[in-house]
C-alpha atoms as a PDB file:
ATOM      1  CA  MET A   1     118.586 105.442 119.525  1.00  0.00           C
ATOM      2  CA  ALA A   2     116.377 106.593 116.439  1.00  0.00           C
ATOM      3  CA  VAL A   3     113.046 104.264 115.601  1.00  0.00           C
ATOM      4  CA  LYS A   4     113.986 101.757 112.361  1.00  0.00           C
ATOM      5  CA  ASN A   5     111.680 102.699 109.676  1.00  0.00           C
ATOM      6  CA  PRO A   6     109.607  99.742 108.357  1.00  0.00           C
ATOM      7  CA  TYR A   7     109.370 100.905 105.050  1.00  0.00           C
ATOM      8  CA  ASP A   8     113.216 101.116 105.019  1.00  0.00           C
ATOM      9  CA  THR A   9     113.190  96.533 105.813  1.00  0.00           C
ATOM     10  CA  MET A  10     109.847  96.410 103.016  1.00  0.00           C
ATOM     11  CA  PRO A  11     110.417  93.188 100.347  1.00  0.00           C
ATOM     12  CA  ARG A  12     108.317  93.640  97.195  1.00  0.00           C
ATOM     13  CA  SER A  13     105.641  91.140  97.342  1.00  0.00           C
ATOM     14  CA  LYS A  14     103.449  89.573  94.427  1.00  0.00           C
ATOM     15  CA  HIS A  15      99.902  89.626  94.914  1.00  0.00           C
ATOM     16  CA  ILE A  16      96.833  88.607  94.351  1.00  0.00           C
ATOM     17  CA  VAL A  17      94.533  89.033  91.474  1.00  0.00           C
ATOM     18  CA  VAL A  18      91.769  87.627  89.633  1.00  0.00           C
ATOM     19  CA  ASP A  19      90.949  87.342  85.972  1.00  0.00           C
ATOM     20  CA  THR A  20      87.157  89.089  86.289  1.00  0.00           C
ATOM     21  CA  ASP A  21      86.125  88.153  82.801  1.00  0.00           C
ATOM     22  CA  ALA A  22      87.611  84.096  83.786  1.00  0.00           C
ATOM     23  CA  CYS A  23      85.851  84.188  86.907  1.00  0.00           C
ATOM     24  CA  GLY A  24      82.645  82.912  87.421  1.00  0.00           C
ATOM     25  CA  GLY A  25      81.546  83.944  91.119  1.00  0.00           C
ATOM     26  CA  CYS A  26      81.505  80.196  92.650  1.00  0.00           C
ATOM     27  CA  LEU A  27      83.102  81.364  95.535  1.00  0.00           C
ATOM     28  CA  THR A  28      85.374  78.337  96.456  1.00  0.00           C
ATOM     29  CA  CYS A  29      88.450  81.236  96.273  1.00  0.00           C
ATOM     30  CA  GLU A  30      86.918  83.135  99.480  1.00  0.00           C
ATOM     31  CA  LEU A  31      85.427  79.887 101.565  1.00  0.00           C
ATOM     32  CA  ALA A  32      89.010  77.500 101.168  1.00  0.00           C
ATOM     33  CA  CYS A  33      90.457  80.953 102.049  1.00  0.00           C
ATOM     34  CA  ALA A  34      88.691  80.616 105.310  1.00  0.00           C
ATOM     35  CA  CYS A  35      89.201  77.542 106.678  1.00  0.00           C
ATOM     36  CA  ARG A  36      92.110  77.574 105.813  1.00  0.00           C
ATOM     37  CA  HIS A  37      93.876  80.249 108.077  1.00  0.00           C
ATOM     38  CA  PHE A  38      90.787  79.928 110.541  1.00  0.00           C
ATOM     39  CA  ASP A  39      90.657  76.600 112.018  1.00  0.00           C
ATOM     40  CA  GLY A  40      88.141  75.218 109.776  1.00  0.00           C
ATOM     41  CA  LEU A  41      85.570  78.289 109.992  1.00  0.00           C
ATOM     42  CA  CYS A  42      84.454  78.128 105.980  1.00  0.00           C
ATOM     43  CA  ASP A  43      82.805  81.295 106.598  1.00  0.00           C
ATOM     44  CA  ARG A  44      82.757  84.084 103.664  1.00  0.00           C
ATOM     45  CA  GLU A  45      82.740  87.370 106.493  1.00  0.00           C
ATOM     46  CA  LEU A  46      86.342  85.440 107.008  1.00  0.00           C
ATOM     47  CA  SER A  47      87.648  85.706 103.853  1.00  0.00           C
ATOM     48  CA  ALA A  48      91.283  87.709 102.792  1.00  0.00           C
ATOM     49  CA  ILE A  49      89.485  87.546  99.303  1.00  0.00           C
ATOM     50  CA  HIS A  50      86.175  88.945  98.572  1.00  0.00           C
ATOM     51  CA  ILE A  51      84.361  88.295  94.697  1.00  0.00           C
ATOM     52  CA  ASP A  52      80.722  90.920  94.334  1.00  0.00           C
ATOM     53  CA  ALA A  53      79.036  88.726  92.274  1.00  0.00           C
ATOM     54  CA  ASP A  54      76.222  90.421  90.276  1.00  0.00           C
ATOM     55  CA  MET A  55      75.210  87.056  88.526  1.00  0.00           C
ATOM     56  CA  LEU A  56      72.259  89.227  86.938  1.00  0.00           C
ATOM     57  CA  ASP A  57      74.389  90.667  84.948  1.00  0.00           C
ATOM     58  CA  TYR A  58      77.084  88.148  85.493  1.00  0.00           C
ATOM     59  CA  ARG A  59      80.074  90.791  86.113  1.00  0.00           C
ATOM     60  CA  PHE A  60      82.667  90.169  89.150  1.00  0.00           C
ATOM     61  CA  ASP A  61      85.194  92.753  91.428  1.00  0.00           C
ATOM     62  CA  TYR A  62      87.316  91.563  94.007  1.00  0.00           C
ATOM     63  CA  MET A  63      88.979  93.127  97.074  1.00  0.00           C
ATOM     64  CA  VAL A  64      92.095  90.908  97.884  1.00  0.00           C
ATOM     65  CA  CYS A  65      95.305  92.769 100.130  1.00  0.00           C
ATOM     66  CA  LYS A  66      97.873  94.332  97.548  1.00  0.00           C
ATOM     67  CA  GLN A  67     100.290  93.979  99.797  1.00  0.00           C
ATOM     68  CA  CYS A  68     101.331  97.920  99.599  1.00  0.00           C
ATOM     69  CA  LYS A  69     105.089  98.311  98.898  1.00  0.00           C
ATOM     70  CA  THR A  70     105.340 100.832 101.175  1.00  0.00           C
ATOM     71  CA  ALA A  71     102.257  98.744 103.750  1.00  0.00           C
ATOM     72  CA  SER A  72     100.937 101.981 106.529  1.00  0.00           C
ATOM     73  CA  CYS A  73      99.490  99.076 108.673  1.00  0.00           C
ATOM     74  CA  VAL A  74     103.390  97.502 108.795  1.00  0.00           C
ATOM     75  CA  ALA A  75     103.945 100.986 110.612  1.00  0.00           C
ATOM     76  CA  ALA A  76     100.929 101.011 112.296  1.00  0.00           C
ATOM     77  CA  CYS A  77     100.939  98.215 114.595  1.00  0.00           C
ATOM     78  CA  PRO A  78     101.861  99.241 117.778  1.00  0.00           C
ATOM     79  CA  LYS A  79     102.803  95.267 118.877  1.00  0.00           C
ATOM     80  CA  GLN A  80     105.200  94.705 115.285  1.00  0.00           C
ATOM     81  CA  ALA A  81     103.124  92.099 114.042  1.00  0.00           C
ATOM     82  CA  ILE A  82     103.041  92.522 111.204  1.00  0.00           C
ATOM     83  CA  GLY A  83     105.516  91.142 109.417  1.00  0.00           C
ATOM     84  CA  PHE A  84     107.386  89.818 105.794  1.00  0.00           C
ATOM     85  CA  ASP A  85     107.564  86.701 104.703  1.00  0.00           C
ATOM     86  CA  GLU A  86     111.258  85.577 103.363  1.00  0.00           C
ATOM     87  CA  LYS A  87     109.994  83.616 100.449  1.00  0.00           C
ATOM     88  CA  THR A  88     106.900  85.464  99.169  1.00  0.00           C
ATOM     89  CA  GLY A  89     107.857  89.290 100.307  1.00  0.00           C
ATOM     90  CA  ALA A  90     104.270  89.110 102.047  1.00  0.00           C
ATOM     91  CA  ARG A  91     102.218  90.932 104.683  1.00  0.00           C
ATOM     92  CA  TYR A  92     101.360  88.693 107.496  1.00  0.00           C
ATOM     93  CA  ILE A  93     100.126  89.081 111.033  1.00  0.00           C
ATOM     94  CA  ASP A  94     101.384  87.526 113.204  1.00  0.00           C
ATOM     95  CA  LYS A  95      98.736  85.949 115.475  1.00  0.00           C
ATOM     96  CA  GLU A  96     101.272  85.526 118.700  1.00  0.00           C
ATOM     97  CA  LYS A  97     101.481  89.415 118.877  1.00  0.00           C
ATOM     98  CA  CYS A  98      98.941  90.590 117.246  1.00  0.00           C
ATOM     99  CA  VAL A  99      96.120  91.962 120.105  1.00  0.00           C
ATOM    100  CA  LYS A 100      93.664  93.153 117.474  1.00  0.00           C
ATOM    101  CA  CYS A 101      94.036  96.835 118.445  1.00  0.00           C
ATOM    102  CA  GLY A 102      92.757  97.200 114.938  1.00  0.00           C
ATOM    103  CA  ALA A 103      95.188  99.923 114.151  1.00  0.00           C
ATOM    104  CA  CYS A 104      97.051  98.646 110.922  1.00  0.00           C
ATOM    105  CA  VAL A 105      92.699  98.868 110.212  1.00  0.00           C
ATOM    106  CA  ARG A 106      92.336 102.248 110.202  1.00  0.00           C
ATOM    107  CA  ALA A 107      96.038 102.625 108.919  1.00  0.00           C
ATOM    108  CA  CYS A 108      94.835 101.347 105.285  1.00  0.00           C
ATOM    109  CA  PRO A 109      94.776 103.525 102.046  1.00  0.00           C
ATOM    110  CA  PHE A 110      92.018 101.073 101.492  1.00  0.00           C
ATOM    111  CA  ALA A 111      89.820 100.020 104.366  1.00  0.00           C
ATOM    112  CA  LYS A 112      87.288 103.016 103.012  1.00  0.00           C
ATOM    113  CA  GLU A 113      86.429 100.462 100.527  1.00  0.00           C
ATOM    114  CA  ALA A 114      82.997  98.203 100.910  1.00  0.00           C
ATOM    115  CA  HIS A 115      84.715  94.829 101.313  1.00  0.00           C
ATOM    116  CA  PRO A 116      88.428  96.466 102.892  1.00  0.00           C
ATOM    117  CA  PRO A 117      91.757  94.447 101.856  1.00  0.00           C
ATOM    118  CA  ILE A 118      92.145  94.657 106.177  1.00  0.00           C
ATOM    119  CA  ARG A 119      89.458  94.766 107.810  1.00  0.00           C
ATOM    120  CA  LYS A 120      89.186  93.506 111.346  1.00  0.00           C
ATOM    121  CA  ILE A 121      85.439  90.849 112.824  1.00  0.00           C
ATOM    122  CA  GLU A 122      83.595  90.241 115.666  1.00  0.00           C
ATOM    123  CA  LYS A 123      82.426  86.808 115.558  1.00  0.00           C
ATOM    124  CA  TYR A 124      81.363  83.326 117.118  1.00  0.00           C
ATOM    125  CA  GLY A 125      82.759  85.417 120.148  1.00  0.00           C
ATOM    126  CA  GLU A 126      86.668  86.352 119.301  1.00  0.00           C
ATOM    127  CA  LYS A 127      87.957  89.433 117.380  1.00  0.00           C
ATOM    128  CA  PHE A 128      89.375  88.256 114.696  1.00  0.00           C
ATOM    129  CA  ILE A 129      92.193  90.967 111.601  1.00  0.00           C
ATOM    130  CA  VAL A 130      91.902  89.834 108.340  1.00  0.00           C
ATOM    131  CA  LYS A 131      94.329  90.229 106.038  1.00  0.00           C
ATOM    132  CA  CYS A 132      95.552  88.273 102.809  1.00  0.00           C
ATOM    133  CA  ASP A 133      99.025  86.390 103.459  1.00  0.00           C
ATOM    134  CA  LEU A 134      99.478  85.070 100.229  1.00  0.00           C
ATOM    135  CA  CYS A 135      98.410  81.964 102.694  1.00  0.00           C
ATOM    136  CA  HIS A 136     101.662  81.921 104.306  1.00  0.00           C
ATOM    137  CA  GLY A 137     103.646  79.187 106.363  1.00  0.00           C
ATOM    138  CA  HIS A 138     102.369  76.874 103.130  1.00  0.00           C
ATOM    139  CA  GLU A 139     104.690  76.030 101.610  1.00  0.00           C
ATOM    140  CA  ASP A 140     102.121  75.206  98.529  1.00  0.00           C
ATOM    141  CA  GLY A 141     101.377  79.030  98.345  1.00  0.00           C
ATOM    142  CA  PRO A 142      98.069  80.769  97.542  1.00  0.00           C
ATOM    143  CA  TYR A 143      94.566  77.751  99.125  1.00  0.00           C
ATOM    144  CA  CYS A 144      93.257  80.164  96.795  1.00  0.00           C
ATOM    145  CA  ILE A 145      94.639  80.026  92.928  1.00  0.00           C
ATOM    146  CA  GLN A 146      94.750  76.317  93.908  1.00  0.00           C
ATOM    147  CA  VAL A 147      91.051  75.548  94.295  1.00  0.00           C
ATOM    148  CA  CYS A 148      89.593  78.644  91.190  1.00  0.00           C
ATOM    149  CA  PRO A 149      88.685  75.811  89.899  1.00  0.00           C
ATOM    150  CA  LYS A 150      88.263  78.300  86.211  1.00  0.00           C
ATOM    151  CA  GLY A 151      91.899  79.072  86.879  1.00  0.00           C
ATOM    152  CA  ALA A 152      91.030  83.268  87.178  1.00  0.00           C
ATOM    153  CA  ILE A 153      93.393  83.916  89.599  1.00  0.00           C
ATOM    154  CA  SER A 154      96.794  83.965  89.750  1.00  0.00           C
ATOM    155  CA  LEU A 155     100.203  86.004  91.566  1.00  0.00           C
ATOM    156  CA  LYS A 156     101.411  89.122  89.813  1.00  0.00           C
END
């Protein structure tokens, strides 16, 4: 029997966009993201969104999962632990299935970035795979959008 190609079933997904001209560099989005996804661990390293704040020149850049149309992280997962949110199309990690092997991280074409959009972290005596899932499982949608005091974050 042929193995089903995961690219054939990937629904379209929106992704997080940050208006870097409107961003104030407060990093509220980072802390809110980590707190929501990791049971109150408000640690910027565990955030799926990263704001690179150059406060000297007041310039900002960001990195967050692009929810790729043909997500190599999905195809690379040996446990099929990355699924698709039926409502949003977002690629999310099923924490029950994930063995934190890092295959998804190695498969990401953006993994070589200074702040990769999907990464494996060892901290607090645990391993974490961090990736934006557009707040999968939360009816109110991406928390970073809700908490941004400047309204600089949106879905595209």
